[in-house]
């Protein structure tokens, strides 16, 4: 099952596919883009963005540009969060996680973990791809 807007999709529709497919650089980058976009929206935006509205891109240039835009939105959300916001449960209402029950600093920690591990996976896959030729 594919989720996402327009012609390109990503796995992650509901229910999740089983067994899970091998994920690619594109999947990892689109996953991060979707998480950052939606968490920014459900924290300081309209709180209405749906996962099937998040576009998955078919070229590296488009995917990187979308990631940059999502990262900028998330950065803006973090820059606007004061200590009280960081300690507030439900500051983010992102519906596909435990955000509505978590204090915001825990959500920030989780998003950082996602960025770190998927970012490292992207770098490793890129290096393996380069080394094969």
Foldseek 3Di string as FASTA:
>chain_A
DFAADDDDTEQDPPPGDPPHDDDDLLNLLLVLLLVLQQQLCQQPNVVDDDRNHRHRDDDPVVSVVSSVVSVVSSVVSVVPADPVQQQDQCSGPRPPDNRNGDRNVVVVVVSVVSCVPSVVVSVVNVVVVVVVD
